[in-house]
Amino acid sequence: MKFENRDYTIEELTENSFEGIDIGLFSAGGSISKKFGPLAAQKGTIVVDNSSAFRMDENIPLVIPEVNPEAMAHVKLGSGKGALIANPNCSTIICLMAVTPLHRRAKVKHMVVSTYQAASGAGAAAMEELVQQTREYAFNLFSHNAPVQPNGYNEEEMKLVKETRKIWNDMDVKVTATCIRVPVMRAHAESVNLQFENPLDEDTARDILKNAPGVVVVDDRASNRFPTPLEVSHKDDVAVGRVHRDVSQDGDYGLDIFVCGDQIRKGAALNTIQIAEMLL
């Protein structure tokens, strides 16, 4: 196969594919990961897996490098010991890139997330379908296509709930989410409402976000310029704006923010590569 003017030989994946392989980047779906991930680790390969197969396994770190690098501190390249490291869900990564710096300052007690997720999150076929059915999609949106569970939440929403608790190592934080597909080609948007244990005013929050790695603040009220999916598409940074006090809460204990991020870049591929780079 030719890629960027270079020829590559594509080999069939087998149980013997991992001899002498230091790092394996897995992004072929949960069933493949469950079958070959542990086999690769047994061969001494450190596997960074982009599927949901291992995310909630308590023995496998779930990592966003800017958020919880300490979770994989025990994994050492060159030690001869293989390991599995899980890449979080795209909506979780985009959300926590923005919220974690605020959480470190004031401690989030309760978080309400509403996501507006692009067609690309459902794969290339969905993107092509969006192109073909622009007229239908342009005047509609629909609940995320993940299966709905007995509690009424769909799987995408529960990923945000469970993964946030694991990444923050805080089983007490209260999280609820509503995930919606919108007629956007690429990049997810998220409206996030936060309740803090300690007071945090909006100006301080904006300054914290301006200094957070991997985050850019787009918050121009006078020009009504805030993050949009189109502007963050094909970019690595997560954009944050609409930073303002939640007037339904007393004092400076509540904030609303609006977040946009390219879920193919930071929400998936980039985060995987960053994890691998931390091993080098």
C-alpha atoms as a PDB file:
ATOM      1  CA  MET A   1       0.000   0.000   0.000  1.00  0.00           C
ATOM      2  CA  LYS A   2       1.268   3.482  -0.866  1.00  0.00           C
ATOM      3  CA  PHE A   3       0.855   6.192   1.774  1.00  0.00           C
ATOM      4  CA  GLU A   4       2.342   9.681   1.455  1.00  0.00           C
ATOM      5  CA  ASN A   5       4.503   8.468  -1.450  1.00  0.00           C
ATOM      6  CA  ARG A   6       5.993   5.594   0.526  1.00  0.00           C
ATOM      7  CA  ASP A   7       5.309   1.889   0.002  1.00  0.00           C
ATOM      8  CA  TYR A   8       4.252  -0.242   2.954  1.00  0.00           C
ATOM      9  CA  THR A   9       3.702  -3.976   3.203  1.00  0.00           C
ATOM     10  CA  ILE A  10       0.454  -4.817   5.002  1.00  0.00           C
ATOM     11  CA  GLU A  11       0.656  -8.082   6.906  1.00  0.00           C
ATOM     12  CA  GLU A  12      -2.131 -10.252   8.256  1.00  0.00           C
ATOM     13  CA  LEU A  13      -2.496  -9.952  12.031  1.00  0.00           C
ATOM     14  CA  THR A  14      -1.730 -13.270  13.774  1.00  0.00           C
ATOM     15  CA  GLU A  15      -0.710 -14.456  17.211  1.00  0.00           C
ATOM     16  CA  ASN A  16       2.914 -14.281  16.074  1.00  0.00           C
ATOM     17  CA  SER A  17       2.813 -10.675  14.855  1.00  0.00           C
ATOM     18  CA  PHE A  18       4.231  -9.139  18.040  1.00  0.00           C
ATOM     19  CA  GLU A  19       7.679 -10.684  18.339  1.00  0.00           C
ATOM     20  CA  GLY A  20      10.121  -7.822  18.925  1.00  0.00           C
ATOM     21  CA  ILE A  21       7.396  -5.156  18.836  1.00  0.00           C
ATOM     22  CA  ASP A  22       7.806  -2.527  21.572  1.00  0.00           C
ATOM     23  CA  ILE A  23       4.563  -0.561  21.130  1.00  0.00           C
ATOM     24  CA  GLY A  24       1.335  -1.628  19.437  1.00  0.00           C
ATOM     25  CA  LEU A  25      -1.328   0.896  18.460  1.00  0.00           C
ATOM     26  CA  PHE A  26      -4.704  -0.848  18.275  1.00  0.00           C
ATOM     27  CA  SER A  27      -7.683   0.714  16.496  1.00  0.00           C
ATOM     28  CA  ALA A  28      -9.484  -2.161  14.810  1.00  0.00           C
ATOM     29  CA  GLY A  29     -12.502  -2.547  17.080  1.00  0.00           C
ATOM     30  CA  GLY A  30     -13.206  -4.148  20.431  1.00  0.00           C
ATOM     31  CA  SER A  31     -13.355  -7.774  19.297  1.00  0.00           C
ATOM     32  CA  ILE A  32      -9.901  -7.605  17.683  1.00  0.00           C
ATOM     33  CA  SER A  33      -8.499  -5.814  20.731  1.00  0.00           C
ATOM     34  CA  LYS A  34      -9.901  -8.378  23.146  1.00  0.00           C
ATOM     35  CA  LYS A  35      -8.408 -11.228  21.137  1.00  0.00           C
ATOM     36  CA  PHE A  36      -4.985  -9.833  20.275  1.00  0.00           C
ATOM     37  CA  GLY A  37      -4.333  -7.188  22.958  1.00  0.00           C
ATOM     38  CA  PRO A  38      -3.571  -9.647  25.789  1.00  0.00           C
ATOM     39  CA  LEU A  39      -1.550 -11.836  23.376  1.00  0.00           C
ATOM     40  CA  ALA A  40       0.583  -8.836  22.408  1.00  0.00           C
ATOM     41  CA  ALA A  41       1.109  -7.884  26.058  1.00  0.00           C
ATOM     42  CA  GLN A  42       2.229 -11.429  26.834  1.00  0.00           C
ATOM     43  CA  LYS A  43       4.869 -11.056  24.104  1.00  0.00           C
ATOM     44  CA  GLY A  44       6.217  -7.928  25.830  1.00  0.00           C
ATOM     45  CA  THR A  45       4.438  -5.342  23.688  1.00  0.00           C
ATOM     46  CA  ILE A  46       2.918  -2.256  25.303  1.00  0.00           C
ATOM     47  CA  VAL A  47      -0.508  -1.935  23.698  1.00  0.00           C
ATOM     48  CA  VAL A  48      -2.276   1.422  23.415  1.00  0.00           C
ATOM     49  CA  ASP A  49      -5.860   0.493  22.579  1.00  0.00           C
ATOM     50  CA  ASN A  50      -8.341   2.894  21.031  1.00  0.00           C
ATOM     51  CA  SER A  51     -11.431   0.687  21.455  1.00  0.00           C
ATOM     52  CA  SER A  52     -13.742   0.411  24.451  1.00  0.00           C
ATOM     53  CA  ALA A  53     -12.546  -3.139  25.208  1.00  0.00           C
ATOM     54  CA  PHE A  54     -10.416  -2.377  28.266  1.00  0.00           C
ATOM     55  CA  ARG A  55     -11.483   1.086  29.398  1.00  0.00           C
ATOM     56  CA  MET A  56     -13.352   0.040  32.505  1.00  0.00           C
ATOM     57  CA  ASP A  57     -10.977  -2.760  33.533  1.00  0.00           C
ATOM     58  CA  GLU A  58      -9.714  -1.629  36.950  1.00  0.00           C
ATOM     59  CA  ASN A  59      -6.283  -3.122  36.243  1.00  0.00           C
ATOM     60  CA  ILE A  60      -5.750  -1.211  32.980  1.00  0.00           C
ATOM     61  CA  PRO A  61      -4.945   2.529  32.991  1.00  0.00           C
ATOM     62  CA  LEU A  62      -7.320   4.854  31.129  1.00  0.00           C
ATOM     63  CA  VAL A  63      -5.181   7.809  30.112  1.00  0.00           C
ATOM     64  CA  ILE A  64      -5.369  11.361  28.842  1.00  0.00           C
ATOM     65  CA  PRO A  65      -1.724  12.523  28.956  1.00  0.00           C
ATOM     66  CA  GLU A  66      -2.567  16.108  29.981  1.00  0.00           C
ATOM     67  CA  VAL A  67      -4.979  14.863  32.661  1.00  0.00           C
ATOM     68  CA  ASN A  68      -3.720  11.720  34.412  1.00  0.00           C
ATOM     69  CA  PRO A  69      -0.258  10.648  33.161  1.00  0.00           C
ATOM     70  CA  GLU A  70       0.443   9.176  36.591  1.00  0.00           C
ATOM     71  CA  ALA A  71      -1.996   6.357  35.826  1.00  0.00           C
ATOM     72  CA  MET A  72       0.588   4.770  33.512  1.00  0.00           C
ATOM     73  CA  ALA A  73       3.714   5.615  35.545  1.00  0.00           C
ATOM     74  CA  HIS A  74       4.294   1.909  36.263  1.00  0.00           C
ATOM     75  CA  VAL A  75       4.454   1.041  32.544  1.00  0.00           C
ATOM     76  CA  LYS A  76       8.065   1.147  31.336  1.00  0.00           C
ATOM     77  CA  LEU A  77       9.308   0.661  27.794  1.00  0.00           C
ATOM     78  CA  GLY A  78      12.291  -1.684  27.633  1.00  0.00           C
ATOM     79  CA  SER A  79      11.419  -3.471  30.866  1.00  0.00           C
ATOM     80  CA  GLY A  80      10.516  -6.621  28.952  1.00  0.00           C
ATOM     81  CA  LYS A  81       7.024  -6.487  30.440  1.00  0.00           C
ATOM     82  CA  GLY A  82       4.068  -5.907  28.163  1.00  0.00           C
ATOM     83  CA  ALA A  83       1.017  -3.938  29.224  1.00  0.00           C
ATOM     84  CA  LEU A  84      -2.345  -2.642  28.092  1.00  0.00           C
ATOM     85  CA  ILE A  85      -3.233   1.061  28.162  1.00  0.00           C
ATOM     86  CA  ALA A  86      -6.721   2.228  27.180  1.00  0.00           C
ATOM     87  CA  ASN A  87      -7.559   5.369  25.210  1.00  0.00           C
ATOM     88  CA  PRO A  88     -10.758   7.017  26.543  1.00  0.00           C
ATOM     89  CA  ASN A  89     -13.872   7.718  24.512  1.00  0.00           C
ATOM     90  CA  CYS A  90     -13.725  10.798  22.283  1.00  0.00           C
ATOM     91  CA  SER A  91     -16.441  12.765  24.094  1.00  0.00           C
ATOM     92  CA  THR A  92     -14.777  12.059  27.457  1.00  0.00           C
ATOM     93  CA  ILE A  93     -11.369  13.261  26.245  1.00  0.00           C
ATOM     94  CA  ILE A  94     -12.743  16.489  24.767  1.00  0.00           C
ATOM     95  CA  CYS A  95     -14.748  17.224  27.917  1.00  0.00           C
ATOM     96  CA  LEU A  96     -12.011  16.491  30.456  1.00  0.00           C
ATOM     97  CA  MET A  97      -9.335  18.416  28.566  1.00  0.00           C
ATOM     98  CA  ALA A  98     -11.322  21.545  29.417  1.00  0.00           C
ATOM     99  CA  VAL A  99     -12.847  20.613  32.753  1.00  0.00           C
ATOM    100  CA  THR A 100      -9.864  19.016  34.516  1.00  0.00           C
ATOM    101  CA  PRO A 101      -7.859  22.256  34.956  1.00  0.00           C
ATOM    102  CA  LEU A 102     -10.925  23.755  36.667  1.00  0.00           C
ATOM    103  CA  HIS A 103     -11.458  20.568  38.681  1.00  0.00           C
ATOM    104  CA  ARG A 104      -7.887  20.778  39.997  1.00  0.00           C
ATOM    105  CA  ARG A 105      -8.540  24.287  41.274  1.00  0.00           C
ATOM    106  CA  ALA A 106     -12.048  24.055  42.698  1.00  0.00           C
ATOM    107  CA  LYS A 107     -13.054  20.316  42.666  1.00  0.00           C
ATOM    108  CA  VAL A 108     -16.086  19.432  40.590  1.00  0.00           C
ATOM    109  CA  LYS A 109     -18.946  17.961  42.606  1.00  0.00           C
ATOM    110  CA  HIS A 110     -21.525  17.689  39.840  1.00  0.00           C
ATOM    111  CA  MET A 111     -21.189  17.843  36.048  1.00  0.00           C
ATOM    112  CA  VAL A 112     -23.950  17.944  33.427  1.00  0.00           C
ATOM    113  CA  VAL A 113     -22.790  17.377  29.846  1.00  0.00           C
ATOM    114  CA  SER A 114     -24.772  17.728  26.633  1.00  0.00           C
ATOM    115  CA  THR A 115     -22.879  16.642  23.531  1.00  0.00           C
ATOM    116  CA  TYR A 116     -23.466  17.594  19.903  1.00  0.00           C
ATOM    117  CA  GLN A 117     -21.552  14.892  18.071  1.00  0.00           C
ATOM    118  CA  ALA A 118     -20.435  14.905  14.452  1.00  0.00           C
ATOM    119  CA  ALA A 119     -21.269  12.269  11.876  1.00  0.00           C
ATOM    120  CA  SER A 120     -17.619  11.219  11.663  1.00  0.00           C
ATOM    121  CA  GLY A 121     -17.951   9.681  15.107  1.00  0.00           C
ATOM    122  CA  ALA A 122     -20.086   7.004  13.473  1.00  0.00           C
ATOM    123  CA  GLY A 123     -17.466   6.275  10.806  1.00  0.00           C
ATOM    124  CA  ALA A 124     -16.728   7.043   7.175  1.00  0.00           C
ATOM    125  CA  ALA A 125     -20.021   5.562   5.986  1.00  0.00           C
ATOM    126  CA  ALA A 126     -21.967   8.005   8.148  1.00  0.00           C
ATOM    127  CA  MET A 127     -19.952  10.915   6.753  1.00  0.00           C
ATOM    128  CA  GLU A 128     -20.786   9.835   3.204  1.00  0.00           C
ATOM    129  CA  GLU A 129     -24.422   9.410   4.189  1.00  0.00           C
ATOM    130  CA  LEU A 130     -24.446  12.944   5.563  1.00  0.00           C
ATOM    131  CA  VAL A 131     -23.150  14.259   2.231  1.00  0.00           C
ATOM    132  CA  GLN A 132     -25.832  12.358   0.313  1.00  0.00           C
ATOM    133  CA  GLN A 133     -28.664  13.283   2.664  1.00  0.00           C
ATOM    134  CA  THR A 134     -27.765  16.864   3.455  1.00  0.00           C
ATOM    135  CA  ARG A 135     -31.305  18.100   2.944  1.00  0.00           C
ATOM    136  CA  GLU A 136     -32.724  15.606   5.454  1.00  0.00           C
ATOM    137  CA  TYR A 137     -29.959  16.034   8.024  1.00  0.00           C
ATOM    138  CA  ALA A 138     -29.796  19.801   7.722  1.00  0.00           C
ATOM    139  CA  PHE A 139     -33.132  20.244   9.442  1.00  0.00           C
ATOM    140  CA  ASN A 140     -32.875  17.513  12.032  1.00  0.00           C
ATOM    141  CA  LEU A 141     -30.807  15.939  14.782  1.00  0.00           C
ATOM    142  CA  PHE A 142     -31.230  12.718  16.700  1.00  0.00           C
ATOM    143  CA  SER A 143     -30.234  10.880  19.836  1.00  0.00           C
ATOM    144  CA  HIS A 144     -26.834   9.199  19.667  1.00  0.00           C
ATOM    145  CA  ASN A 145     -27.040   5.841  17.903  1.00  0.00           C
ATOM    146  CA  ALA A 146     -25.448   3.878  20.785  1.00  0.00           C
ATOM    147  CA  PRO A 147     -27.721   1.228  22.354  1.00  0.00           C
ATOM    148  CA  VAL A 148     -29.980   2.462  25.147  1.00  0.00           C
ATOM    149  CA  GLN A 149     -29.486   0.693  28.470  1.00  0.00           C
ATOM    150  CA  PRO A 150     -32.163  -0.299  31.025  1.00  0.00           C
ATOM    151  CA  ASN A 151     -31.457   2.871  33.057  1.00  0.00           C
ATOM    152  CA  GLY A 152     -32.487   5.039  30.082  1.00  0.00           C
ATOM    153  CA  TYR A 153     -28.975   6.253  29.270  1.00  0.00           C
ATOM    154  CA  ASN A 154     -27.307   5.111  26.078  1.00  0.00           C
ATOM    155  CA  GLU A 155     -23.813   3.595  26.069  1.00  0.00           C
ATOM    156  CA  GLU A 156     -22.151   6.822  24.898  1.00  0.00           C
ATOM    157  CA  GLU A 157     -23.638   8.733  27.824  1.00  0.00           C
ATOM    158  CA  MET A 158     -22.574   6.114  30.358  1.00  0.00           C
ATOM    159  CA  LYS A 159     -19.027   6.167  28.961  1.00  0.00           C
ATOM    160  CA  LEU A 160     -18.818   9.826  29.950  1.00  0.00           C
ATOM    161  CA  VAL A 161     -20.092   9.014  33.430  1.00  0.00           C
ATOM    162  CA  LYS A 162     -17.903   6.000  34.164  1.00  0.00           C
ATOM    163  CA  GLU A 163     -14.738   7.133  32.380  1.00  0.00           C
ATOM    164  CA  THR A 164     -14.718  10.524  34.124  1.00  0.00           C
ATOM    165  CA  ARG A 165     -14.807   8.829  37.516  1.00  0.00           C
ATOM    166  CA  LYS A 166     -11.988   6.462  36.586  1.00  0.00           C
ATOM    167  CA  ILE A 167      -9.737   9.101  34.993  1.00  0.00           C
ATOM    168  CA  TRP A 168     -10.184  11.480  37.937  1.00  0.00           C
ATOM    169  CA  ASN A 169      -9.955   8.576  40.411  1.00  0.00           C
ATOM    170  CA  ASP A 170     -13.055   9.974  42.091  1.00  0.00           C
ATOM    171  CA  MET A 171     -16.031   7.672  42.486  1.00  0.00           C
ATOM    172  CA  ASP A 172     -18.027  10.396  44.275  1.00  0.00           C
ATOM    173  CA  VAL A 173     -18.222  12.938  41.444  1.00  0.00           C
ATOM    174  CA  LYS A 174     -21.729  13.118  40.031  1.00  0.00           C
ATOM    175  CA  VAL A 175     -21.932  13.127  36.229  1.00  0.00           C
ATOM    176  CA  THR A 176     -24.889  13.004  33.868  1.00  0.00           C
ATOM    177  CA  ALA A 177     -24.849  13.283  30.087  1.00  0.00           C
ATOM    178  CA  THR A 178     -27.096  13.584  27.047  1.00  0.00           C
ATOM    179  CA  CYS A 179     -25.451  12.692  23.715  1.00  0.00           C
ATOM    180  CA  ILE A 180     -26.939  13.895  20.425  1.00  0.00           C
ATOM    181  CA  ARG A 181     -25.885  13.423  16.783  1.00  0.00           C
ATOM    182  CA  VAL A 182     -25.954  16.649  14.779  1.00  0.00           C
ATOM    183  CA  PRO A 183     -25.499  17.392  11.036  1.00  0.00           C
ATOM    184  CA  VAL A 184     -21.827  18.283  11.423  1.00  0.00           C
ATOM    185  CA  MET A 185     -19.185  16.480   9.386  1.00  0.00           C
ATOM    186  CA  ARG A 186     -16.326  16.503  11.871  1.00  0.00           C
ATOM    187  CA  ALA A 187     -15.593  17.607  15.476  1.00  0.00           C
ATOM    188  CA  HIS A 188     -17.793  17.322  18.544  1.00  0.00           C
ATOM    189  CA  ALA A 189     -19.253  20.156  20.621  1.00  0.00           C
ATOM    190  CA  GLU A 190     -20.195  19.881  24.284  1.00  0.00           C
ATOM    191  CA  SER A 191     -22.121  22.106  26.657  1.00  0.00           C
ATOM    192  CA  VAL A 192     -20.843  21.526  30.205  1.00  0.00           C
ATOM    193  CA  ASN A 193     -22.437  22.723  33.443  1.00  0.00           C
ATOM    194  CA  LEU A 194     -20.250  22.481  36.533  1.00  0.00           C
ATOM    195  CA  GLN A 195     -20.895  22.675  40.259  1.00  0.00           C
ATOM    196  CA  PHE A 196     -17.784  23.123  42.418  1.00  0.00           C
ATOM    197  CA  GLU A 197     -16.907  22.304  45.999  1.00  0.00           C
ATOM    198  CA  ASN A 198     -14.871  25.530  46.247  1.00  0.00           C
ATOM    199  CA  PRO A 199     -15.687  28.923  44.701  1.00  0.00           C
ATOM    200  CA  LEU A 200     -14.306  29.711  41.230  1.00  0.00           C
ATOM    201  CA  ASP A 201     -15.207  32.943  39.440  1.00  0.00           C
ATOM    202  CA  GLU A 202     -15.408  33.099  35.658  1.00  0.00           C
ATOM    203  CA  ASP A 203     -12.367  35.383  35.204  1.00  0.00           C
ATOM    204  CA  THR A 204     -10.137  33.022  37.183  1.00  0.00           C
ATOM    205  CA  ALA A 205     -11.554  30.062  35.269  1.00  0.00           C
ATOM    206  CA  ARG A 206     -10.782  31.766  31.955  1.00  0.00           C
ATOM    207  CA  ASP A 207      -7.188  32.427  33.055  1.00  0.00           C
ATOM    208  CA  ILE A 208      -6.772  28.797  34.129  1.00  0.00           C
ATOM    209  CA  LEU A 209      -8.022  27.592  30.756  1.00  0.00           C
ATOM    210  CA  LYS A 210      -5.728  29.970  28.868  1.00  0.00           C
ATOM    211  CA  ASN A 211      -2.743  28.296  30.568  1.00  0.00           C
ATOM    212  CA  ALA A 212      -3.967  24.708  30.212  1.00  0.00           C
ATOM    213  CA  PRO A 213      -1.992  22.476  27.806  1.00  0.00           C
ATOM    214  CA  GLY A 214      -3.851  21.446  24.680  1.00  0.00           C
ATOM    215  CA  VAL A 215      -6.593  24.030  25.259  1.00  0.00           C
ATOM    216  CA  VAL A 216      -7.325  27.333  23.501  1.00  0.00           C
ATOM    217  CA  VAL A 217      -9.854  29.878  24.741  1.00  0.00           C
ATOM    218  CA  VAL A 218     -12.234  31.381  22.164  1.00  0.00           C
ATOM    219  CA  ASP A 219     -14.451  33.641  24.240  1.00  0.00           C
ATOM    220  CA  ASP A 220     -15.219  36.971  22.568  1.00  0.00           C
ATOM    221  CA  ARG A 221     -18.587  38.129  23.874  1.00  0.00           C
ATOM    222  CA  ALA A 222     -18.543  41.461  22.045  1.00  0.00           C
ATOM    223  CA  SER A 223     -18.220  39.752  18.667  1.00  0.00           C
ATOM    224  CA  ASN A 224     -20.261  36.707  19.683  1.00  0.00           C
ATOM    225  CA  ARG A 225     -17.304  34.542  18.695  1.00  0.00           C
ATOM    226  CA  PHE A 226     -17.064  31.212  20.473  1.00  0.00           C
ATOM    227  CA  PRO A 227     -15.854  27.685  19.599  1.00  0.00           C
ATOM    228  CA  THR A 228     -17.405  25.960  16.587  1.00  0.00           C
ATOM    229  CA  PRO A 229     -16.846  22.448  15.214  1.00  0.00           C
ATOM    230  CA  LEU A 230     -15.775  23.832  11.850  1.00  0.00           C
ATOM    231  CA  GLU A 231     -12.999  25.948  13.360  1.00  0.00           C
ATOM    232  CA  VAL A 232     -11.493  23.107  15.389  1.00  0.00           C
ATOM    233  CA  SER A 233     -11.717  20.483  12.617  1.00  0.00           C
ATOM    234  CA  HIS A 234      -8.285  19.074  11.711  1.00  0.00           C
ATOM    235  CA  LYS A 235      -6.725  20.783  14.750  1.00  0.00           C
ATOM    236  CA  ASP A 236      -5.140  19.240  17.833  1.00  0.00           C
ATOM    237  CA  ASP A 237      -6.238  21.710  20.512  1.00  0.00           C
ATOM    238  CA  VAL A 238      -9.603  21.669  22.255  1.00  0.00           C
ATOM    239  CA  ALA A 239     -11.368  25.059  22.147  1.00  0.00           C
ATOM    240  CA  VAL A 240     -13.312  26.453  25.116  1.00  0.00           C
ATOM    241  CA  GLY A 241     -15.639  29.433  25.326  1.00  0.00           C
ATOM    242  CA  ARG A 242     -18.947  30.737  26.718  1.00  0.00           C
ATOM    243  CA  VAL A 243     -17.278  30.759  30.150  1.00  0.00           C
ATOM    244  CA  HIS A 244     -19.792  32.281  32.533  1.00  0.00           C
ATOM    245  CA  ARG A 245     -21.257  31.911  36.003  1.00  0.00           C
ATOM    246  CA  ASP A 246     -24.265  29.639  36.372  1.00  0.00           C
ATOM    247  CA  VAL A 247     -26.927  32.006  37.722  1.00  0.00           C
ATOM    248  CA  SER A 248     -29.013  29.093  39.004  1.00  0.00           C
ATOM    249  CA  GLN A 249     -26.361  28.463  41.670  1.00  0.00           C
ATOM    250  CA  ASP A 250     -25.504  30.775  44.555  1.00  0.00           C
ATOM    251  CA  GLY A 251     -22.159  32.556  44.571  1.00  0.00           C
ATOM    252  CA  ASP A 252     -19.240  31.417  42.425  1.00  0.00           C
ATOM    253  CA  TYR A 253     -19.881  27.703  42.807  1.00  0.00           C
ATOM    254  CA  GLY A 254     -21.200  27.059  39.305  1.00  0.00           C
ATOM    255  CA  LEU A 255     -19.936  27.622  35.762  1.00  0.00           C
ATOM    256  CA  ASP A 256     -21.116  26.942  32.230  1.00  0.00           C
ATOM    257  CA  ILE A 257     -18.600  26.340  29.431  1.00  0.00           C
ATOM    258  CA  PHE A 258     -18.835  25.320  25.774  1.00  0.00           C
ATOM    259  CA  VAL A 259     -16.190  22.993  24.342  1.00  0.00           C
ATOM    260  CA  CYS A 260     -15.340  21.902  20.790  1.00  0.00           C
ATOM    261  CA  GLY A 261     -12.736  19.368  19.724  1.00  0.00           C
ATOM    262  CA  ASP A 262     -11.843  17.249  16.708  1.00  0.00           C
ATOM    263  CA  GLN A 263     -12.746  13.778  17.927  1.00  0.00           C
ATOM    264  CA  ILE A 264     -10.622  12.125  15.226  1.00  0.00           C
ATOM    265  CA  ARG A 265      -7.523  14.066  16.351  1.00  0.00           C
ATOM    266  CA  LYS A 266      -7.455  14.700  20.114  1.00  0.00           C
ATOM    267  CA  GLY A 267     -10.513  12.516  20.623  1.00  0.00           C
ATOM    268  CA  ALA A 268      -8.772   9.435  19.202  1.00  0.00           C
ATOM    269  CA  ALA A 269      -5.585   9.335  17.108  1.00  0.00           C
ATOM    270  CA  LEU A 270      -3.604  12.166  18.728  1.00  0.00           C
ATOM    271  CA  ASN A 271      -4.321  10.977  22.267  1.00  0.00           C
ATOM    272  CA  THR A 272      -3.130   7.476  21.311  1.00  0.00           C
ATOM    273  CA  ILE A 273       0.124   8.844  19.875  1.00  0.00           C
ATOM    274  CA  GLN A 274       0.664  11.064  22.925  1.00  0.00           C
ATOM    275  CA  ILE A 275       0.367   8.012  25.186  1.00  0.00           C
ATOM    276  CA  ALA A 276       2.930   6.202  23.067  1.00  0.00           C
ATOM    277  CA  GLU A 277       5.254   9.217  23.170  1.00  0.00           C
ATOM    278  CA  MET A 278       5.132   9.217  26.983  1.00  0.00           C
ATOM    279  CA  LEU A 279       6.655   5.745  26.891  1.00  0.00           C
ATOM    280  CA  LEU A 280       9.707   6.847  24.882  1.00  0.00           C
END
